[in-house]
Amino acid sequence: MNDIGLLWVLFSLFVGVSLAIDLGAFSKLRKKKPDHEIPPIRLALIWTIVWISLAGIFAGIIYFDMGQEKLEEFVTGYALEKSLSVDNMFVFLLIFTSLNIPHKFQHRVLSLGILGAIAMRIPLIFVGVTLLETFHWMIYIFGAFLIATAIRMLMQRKEKKIVVEKNIAIRALKKIMPVDLELKEPKFFTVKNGIRYATPLLVALVIIEFTDLLFALDSIPAVLAITADPFIVITSNVFAILGLRSLYFLLAGVMEKFYYLKPGLIAILLFIGVKMLLAEKIEIPTNLALGAVLGILGVALALSFLRARRHPAQID
């Protein structure tokens, strides 16, 4: 029997218990490791597998309760969100590098950043679904927006450092409180001469949340091109976001090797954008959309792997 209420309960339990274990595991590790040492790559790999496995188990629950079509929508949305979020990790790395935040302090920022991202995504998804249901022509706006995003990514030059002082999020933060960019300990605030300052950790968190908000405006319309079911959109988004921290620590040292990932993501956005624009004339089945997303991503990663093997010493 299809019971969406029960599925929401199961989803909440999945997320709540998983977050408690994840954050608890990292907290326990920090007690064992001196000076908030970064979790080892092995632990990051284990947790990446755990998060993907949990998404797979939940996909199975969706299949038995909602059927094949909803399963395909969930998997497509998850794969789409996961692949697009990998590009966001380059931004995370850029933020931490620009603010000189060592690896051992980064997990605190990412933990809060992921929780904040989930809190922002859910209302945005409901707004997007409501717009599509109320104004069907919004599908053309979303499609054109995705194509414009892909073109913007194509024209965007590769940055090696973020100019913190010029960032709009930091300019807004400075209007609230003074900022001290010297990091001495893993705290979000520091007090000097009786005045409370924001530390680089808070600065990084603010930039990450602002960046994720912009990223959500790109990725949510892409998932809405697959399905307008808020349950599928929310669950696929949240499961993709939950594993970002462990995936970041797993890939942080080899991100420069994903040379063709960005062109692949641009191709995916163009495909989804065109799919939305042609939705009234040509209906692309969800399974074909899933195959296209996975195929483009697979080719991009395979070409990146081959390039890394041919040019092992070259860093772009």
Protein backbone atom coordinates (compact mmCIF):
# COMPACT_ATOMS: atom_id res chain seq x y z
CA MET A 1 0.00 0.00 0.00
CA ASN A 2 1.26 3.46 -0.90
CA ASP A 3 1.63 5.39 2.34
CA ILE A 4 3.49 8.67 1.78
CA GLY A 5 3.18 9.52 5.46
CA LEU A 6 5.04 6.36 6.44
CA LEU A 7 7.72 7.12 3.85
CA TRP A 8 8.23 10.60 5.31
CA VAL A 9 8.62 9.02 8.77
CA LEU A 10 11.14 6.48 7.44
CA PHE A 11 13.04 9.20 5.63
CA SER A 12 13.20 11.35 8.78
CA LEU A 13 14.44 8.37 10.80
CA PHE A 14 17.07 7.57 8.16
CA VAL A 15 18.37 11.12 8.17
CA GLY A 16 18.15 11.69 11.94
CA VAL A 17 19.85 8.45 12.97
CA SER A 18 22.48 8.73 10.24
CA LEU A 19 23.38 12.30 11.20
CA ALA A 20 23.58 11.36 14.87
CA ILE A 21 25.92 8.46 14.11
CA ASP A 22 27.97 10.49 11.62
CA LEU A 23 28.47 13.50 13.88
CA GLY A 24 28.95 11.24 16.89
CA ALA A 25 31.58 9.20 15.06
CA PHE A 26 33.51 12.30 14.10
CA SER A 27 33.22 13.69 17.63
CA LYS A 28 34.53 10.46 19.09
CA LEU A 29 37.40 10.49 16.59
CA ARG A 30 38.29 14.06 17.56
CA LYS A 31 38.57 12.99 21.20
CA LYS A 32 41.05 10.30 20.22
CA LYS A 33 43.02 12.44 17.80
CA PRO A 34 44.92 15.46 19.13
CA ASP A 35 44.14 19.00 18.01
CA HIS A 36 40.99 18.18 16.02
CA GLU A 37 42.84 16.10 13.44
CA ILE A 38 41.08 15.58 10.12
CA PRO A 39 39.43 12.14 9.69
CA PRO A 40 41.64 9.80 7.68
CA ILE A 41 40.87 9.00 4.05
CA ARG A 42 39.88 5.47 5.03
CA LEU A 43 37.15 6.75 7.33
CA ALA A 44 35.99 9.20 4.66
CA LEU A 45 35.77 6.31 2.17
CA ILE A 46 33.79 4.18 4.62
CA TRP A 47 31.32 6.99 5.27
CA THR A 48 30.98 7.75 1.56
CA ILE A 49 30.05 4.11 0.97
CA VAL A 50 27.65 4.22 3.94
CA TRP A 51 25.82 7.30 2.63
CA ILE A 52 25.52 5.88 -0.90
CA SER A 53 24.33 2.56 0.53
CA LEU A 54 21.68 4.30 2.66
CA ALA A 55 20.44 6.12 -0.45
CA GLY A 56 20.32 2.74 -2.23
CA ILE A 57 18.33 1.15 0.60
CA PHE A 58 15.87 4.04 0.58
CA ALA A 59 15.58 3.73 -3.20
CA GLY A 60 14.57 0.10 -2.63
CA ILE A 61 11.89 1.20 -0.16
CA ILE A 62 10.56 3.66 -2.74
CA TYR A 63 10.44 0.92 -5.36
CA PHE A 64 8.41 -1.47 -3.20
CA ASP A 65 6.05 1.25 -1.98
CA MET A 66 5.74 3.61 -4.97
CA GLY A 67 6.83 1.59 -7.99
CA GLN A 68 9.40 1.57 -10.78
CA GLU A 69 8.70 5.08 -12.08
CA LYS A 70 9.28 6.78 -8.73
CA LEU A 71 12.41 4.69 -8.22
CA GLU A 72 13.80 5.96 -11.53
CA GLU A 73 12.92 9.53 -10.58
CA PHE A 74 14.67 9.21 -7.21
CA VAL A 75 17.82 7.64 -8.65
CA THR A 76 17.97 10.20 -11.47
CA GLY A 77 17.49 13.10 -9.04
CA TYR A 78 20.10 11.66 -6.68
CA ALA A 79 22.65 11.08 -9.46
CA LEU A 80 22.01 14.54 -10.89
CA GLU A 81 22.34 16.31 -7.55
CA LYS A 82 25.38 14.26 -6.55
CA SER A 83 27.23 14.94 -9.80
CA LEU A 84 26.47 18.67 -9.70
CA SER A 85 27.49 18.88 -6.03
CA VAL A 86 30.96 17.52 -6.81
CA ASP A 87 31.65 20.75 -8.68
CA ASN A 88 30.69 22.62 -5.51
CA MET A 89 33.53 20.86 -3.68
CA PHE A 90 36.03 22.75 -5.81
CA VAL A 91 34.51 25.92 -4.37
CA PHE A 92 34.80 24.56 -0.82
CA LEU A 93 38.47 23.81 -1.40
CA LEU A 94 38.98 27.28 -2.86
CA ILE A 95 37.33 28.89 0.18
CA PHE A 96 39.44 26.97 2.70
CA THR A 97 42.62 27.67 0.73
CA SER A 98 41.88 31.38 0.42
CA LEU A 99 41.25 31.69 4.18
CA ASN A 100 44.24 29.48 5.11
CA ILE A 101 42.02 27.11 7.10
CA PRO A 102 43.87 23.81 7.76
CA HIS A 103 42.23 20.46 7.08
CA LYS A 104 41.91 19.70 10.79
CA PHE A 105 39.43 22.59 11.25
CA GLN A 106 37.43 22.15 8.05
CA HIS A 107 35.06 19.44 9.28
CA ARG A 108 33.40 21.85 11.76
CA VAL A 109 32.55 24.27 8.97
CA LEU A 110 31.32 21.54 6.63
CA SER A 111 29.12 19.93 9.32
CA LEU A 112 27.22 23.16 9.95
CA GLY A 113 27.29 24.02 6.25
CA ILE A 114 25.55 20.78 5.30
CA LEU A 115 22.88 21.21 7.99
CA GLY A 116 22.31 24.77 6.78
CA ALA A 117 22.11 23.58 3.17
CA ILE A 118 19.38 21.08 4.04
CA ALA A 119 17.42 23.77 5.92
CA MET A 120 17.61 26.08 2.88
CA ARG A 121 16.86 23.46 0.23
CA ILE A 122 13.53 22.22 1.58
CA PRO A 123 11.62 25.55 1.37
CA LEU A 124 13.23 26.31 -2.01
CA ILE A 125 12.05 22.95 -3.34
CA PHE A 126 8.47 23.59 -2.17
CA VAL A 127 8.57 27.01 -3.84
CA GLY A 128 9.83 25.48 -7.10
CA VAL A 129 7.19 22.73 -7.06
CA THR A 130 4.43 25.25 -6.30
CA LEU A 131 5.56 27.48 -9.17
CA LEU A 132 5.51 24.57 -11.63
CA GLU A 133 2.10 23.38 -10.46
CA THR A 134 0.58 26.88 -10.50
CA PHE A 135 2.32 28.29 -13.56
CA HIS A 136 3.21 25.49 -15.96
CA TRP A 137 5.00 27.92 -18.24
CA MET A 138 7.67 28.25 -15.52
CA ILE A 139 9.17 25.06 -16.95
CA TYR A 140 10.45 27.16 -19.86
CA ILE A 141 11.93 29.71 -17.46
CA PHE A 142 13.70 26.95 -15.53
CA GLY A 143 14.95 25.37 -18.77
CA ALA A 144 16.30 28.66 -20.09
CA PHE A 145 17.90 29.32 -16.69
CA LEU A 146 19.74 25.99 -16.78
CA ILE A 147 21.02 26.66 -20.29
CA ALA A 148 22.16 30.15 -19.22
CA THR A 149 23.91 28.57 -16.21
CA ALA A 150 25.71 26.10 -18.48
CA ILE A 151 26.85 28.94 -20.76
CA ARG A 152 28.02 30.93 -17.75
CA MET A 153 30.04 27.94 -16.51
CA LEU A 154 31.53 27.55 -20.00
CA MET A 155 32.66 31.18 -20.08
CA GLN A 156 33.83 31.21 -16.46
CA ARG A 157 37.57 31.25 -15.99
CA LYS A 158 39.21 29.05 -13.42
CA GLU A 159 39.91 30.90 -10.17
CA LYS A 160 42.77 29.95 -7.93
CA LYS A 161 41.78 32.10 -4.97
CA ILE A 162 38.75 33.91 -3.61
CA VAL A 163 39.16 37.62 -2.84
CA VAL A 164 37.47 37.52 0.56
CA GLU A 165 37.10 41.29 0.93
CA LYS A 166 35.07 41.50 -2.31
CA ASN A 167 32.73 38.61 -1.53
CA ILE A 168 29.14 39.82 -1.15
CA ALA A 169 28.45 37.46 1.77
CA ILE A 170 31.42 38.80 3.72
CA ARG A 171 30.49 42.40 3.01
CA ALA A 172 27.09 41.62 4.54
CA LEU A 173 28.73 39.91 7.54
CA LYS A 174 30.99 42.92 8.17
CA LYS A 175 27.90 45.10 8.54
CA ILE A 176 26.84 42.90 11.45
CA MET A 177 30.16 42.43 13.23
CA PRO A 178 33.92 42.98 12.71
CA VAL A 179 35.97 40.24 11.09
CA ASP A 180 39.41 38.98 12.16
CA LEU A 181 41.03 36.89 9.41
CA GLU A 182 43.80 35.56 11.67
CA LEU A 183 43.00 31.98 12.72
CA LYS A 184 44.50 30.86 16.02
CA GLU A 185 42.07 28.22 17.28
CA PRO A 186 39.00 26.33 15.96
CA LYS A 187 36.36 28.85 17.04
CA PHE A 188 33.76 30.78 15.07
CA PHE A 189 34.15 33.85 17.29
CA THR A 190 37.02 35.48 19.12
CA VAL A 191 37.11 38.36 21.62
CA LYS A 192 39.71 41.13 21.49
CA ASN A 193 39.64 44.09 23.86
CA GLY A 194 36.07 43.26 24.79
CA ILE A 195 34.90 43.20 21.14
CA ARG A 196 33.60 40.00 19.52
CA TYR A 197 35.04 39.25 16.07
CA ALA A 198 34.10 36.69 13.43
CA THR A 199 36.96 34.27 12.74
CA PRO A 200 37.92 32.71 9.39
CA LEU A 201 35.79 29.68 10.32
CA LEU A 202 32.64 31.81 10.46
CA VAL A 203 33.71 33.64 7.30
CA ALA A 204 34.10 30.27 5.52
CA LEU A 205 30.71 29.11 6.81
CA VAL A 206 28.98 32.27 5.57
CA ILE A 207 30.58 31.98 2.11
CA ILE A 208 29.73 28.26 1.89
CA GLU A 209 26.08 28.87 2.83
CA PHE A 210 25.79 31.72 0.34
CA THR A 211 27.49 29.62 -2.35
CA ASP A 212 25.15 26.70 -1.66
CA LEU A 213 22.16 29.02 -1.97
CA LEU A 214 23.34 30.02 -5.45
CA PHE A 215 24.11 26.38 -6.25
CA ALA A 216 20.62 25.35 -5.15
CA LEU A 217 19.10 27.83 -7.59
CA ASP A 218 20.89 25.89 -10.36
CA SER A 219 20.46 22.32 -9.14
CA ILE A 220 16.84 22.36 -7.92
CA PRO A 221 15.39 23.36 -11.33
CA ALA A 222 17.49 20.55 -12.84
CA VAL A 223 15.88 17.97 -10.53
CA LEU A 224 12.44 19.50 -11.13
CA ALA A 225 12.97 18.68 -14.80
CA ILE A 226 12.90 15.02 -13.76
CA THR A 227 9.94 15.15 -11.38
CA ALA A 228 7.70 17.69 -9.64
CA ASP A 229 6.96 15.28 -6.77
CA PRO A 230 8.20 17.18 -3.68
CA PHE A 231 8.87 13.93 -1.81
CA ILE A 232 11.20 12.63 -4.52
CA VAL A 233 12.92 15.99 -5.03
CA ILE A 234 13.51 16.55 -1.30
CA THR A 235 14.67 13.02 -0.47
CA SER A 236 17.02 12.78 -3.46
CA ASN A 237 18.47 16.22 -2.64
CA VAL A 238 18.96 15.52 1.05
CA PHE A 239 20.56 12.10 0.51
CA ALA A 240 22.95 13.64 -2.03
CA ILE A 241 23.88 16.49 0.35
CA LEU A 242 24.36 14.30 3.43
CA GLY A 243 27.40 12.53 2.02
CA LEU A 244 29.17 15.67 0.83
CA ARG A 245 31.44 16.07 3.84
CA SER A 246 32.93 12.57 3.68
CA LEU A 247 33.13 12.80 -0.11
CA TYR A 248 34.96 16.13 0.19
CA PHE A 249 37.61 14.67 2.50
CA LEU A 250 37.93 11.66 0.19
CA LEU A 251 38.44 13.75 -2.95
CA ALA A 252 40.13 16.90 -1.55
CA GLY A 253 43.60 15.76 -2.52
CA VAL A 254 42.75 14.67 -6.06
CA MET A 255 40.18 17.26 -7.20
CA GLU A 256 42.56 18.73 -9.76
CA LYS A 257 42.55 15.37 -11.56
CA PHE A 258 38.84 15.73 -12.49
CA TYR A 259 39.85 17.77 -15.51
CA TYR A 260 36.82 16.99 -17.67
CA LEU A 261 34.22 17.06 -14.89
CA LYS A 262 33.21 20.67 -15.52
CA PRO A 263 32.60 20.11 -19.26
CA GLY A 264 30.57 17.05 -18.29
CA LEU A 265 28.44 19.05 -15.85
CA ILE A 266 27.92 21.74 -18.50
CA ALA A 267 26.71 19.04 -20.91
CA ILE A 268 24.33 17.67 -18.24
CA LEU A 269 22.86 21.13 -17.56
CA LEU A 270 22.42 21.74 -21.29
CA PHE A 271 20.69 18.38 -21.70
CA ILE A 272 18.32 19.00 -18.76
CA GLY A 273 17.64 22.57 -19.93
CA VAL A 274 16.75 21.43 -23.45
CA LYS A 275 14.61 18.63 -21.96
CA MET A 276 12.56 21.23 -20.08
CA LEU A 277 12.20 23.52 -23.11
CA LEU A 278 10.98 20.63 -25.30
CA ALA A 279 8.84 19.01 -22.60
CA GLU A 280 5.55 19.83 -24.39
CA LYS A 281 6.68 18.44 -27.75
CA ILE A 282 9.15 15.68 -26.90
CA GLU A 283 8.80 13.71 -23.68
CA ILE A 284 12.07 12.07 -22.64
CA PRO A 285 11.40 9.10 -20.31
CA THR A 286 13.04 9.21 -16.90
CA ASN A 287 15.09 6.08 -17.56
CA LEU A 288 16.58 7.67 -20.69
CA ALA A 289 17.33 10.86 -18.75
CA LEU A 290 19.06 8.78 -16.07
CA GLY A 291 21.10 6.98 -18.73
CA ALA A 292 22.11 10.29 -20.29
CA VAL A 293 23.19 11.81 -16.95
CA LEU A 294 25.17 8.73 -15.91
CA GLY A 295 26.62 8.35 -19.42
CA ILE A 296 27.86 11.94 -19.61
CA LEU A 297 29.28 11.76 -16.10
CA GLY A 298 30.94 8.41 -16.79
CA VAL A 299 32.60 9.68 -19.98
CA ALA A 300 33.84 12.83 -18.19
CA LEU A 301 35.35 10.81 -15.33
CA ALA A 302 36.87 8.21 -17.69
CA LEU A 303 38.53 10.90 -19.83
CA SER A 304 39.78 12.62 -16.67
CA PHE A 305 41.26 9.32 -15.46
CA LEU A 306 43.01 8.72 -18.79
CA ARG A 307 44.38 12.26 -18.82
CA ALA A 308 45.67 11.91 -15.25
CA ARG A 309 47.50 8.71 -16.21
CA ARG A 310 49.11 10.35 -19.25
CA HIS A 311 50.06 13.53 -17.39
CA PRO A 312 50.61 12.41 -13.78
CA ALA A 313 52.80 15.39 -12.85
CA GLN A 314 50.68 18.07 -14.49
CA ILE A 315 48.28 20.08 -12.33
CA ASP A 316 45.82 22.43 -13.97
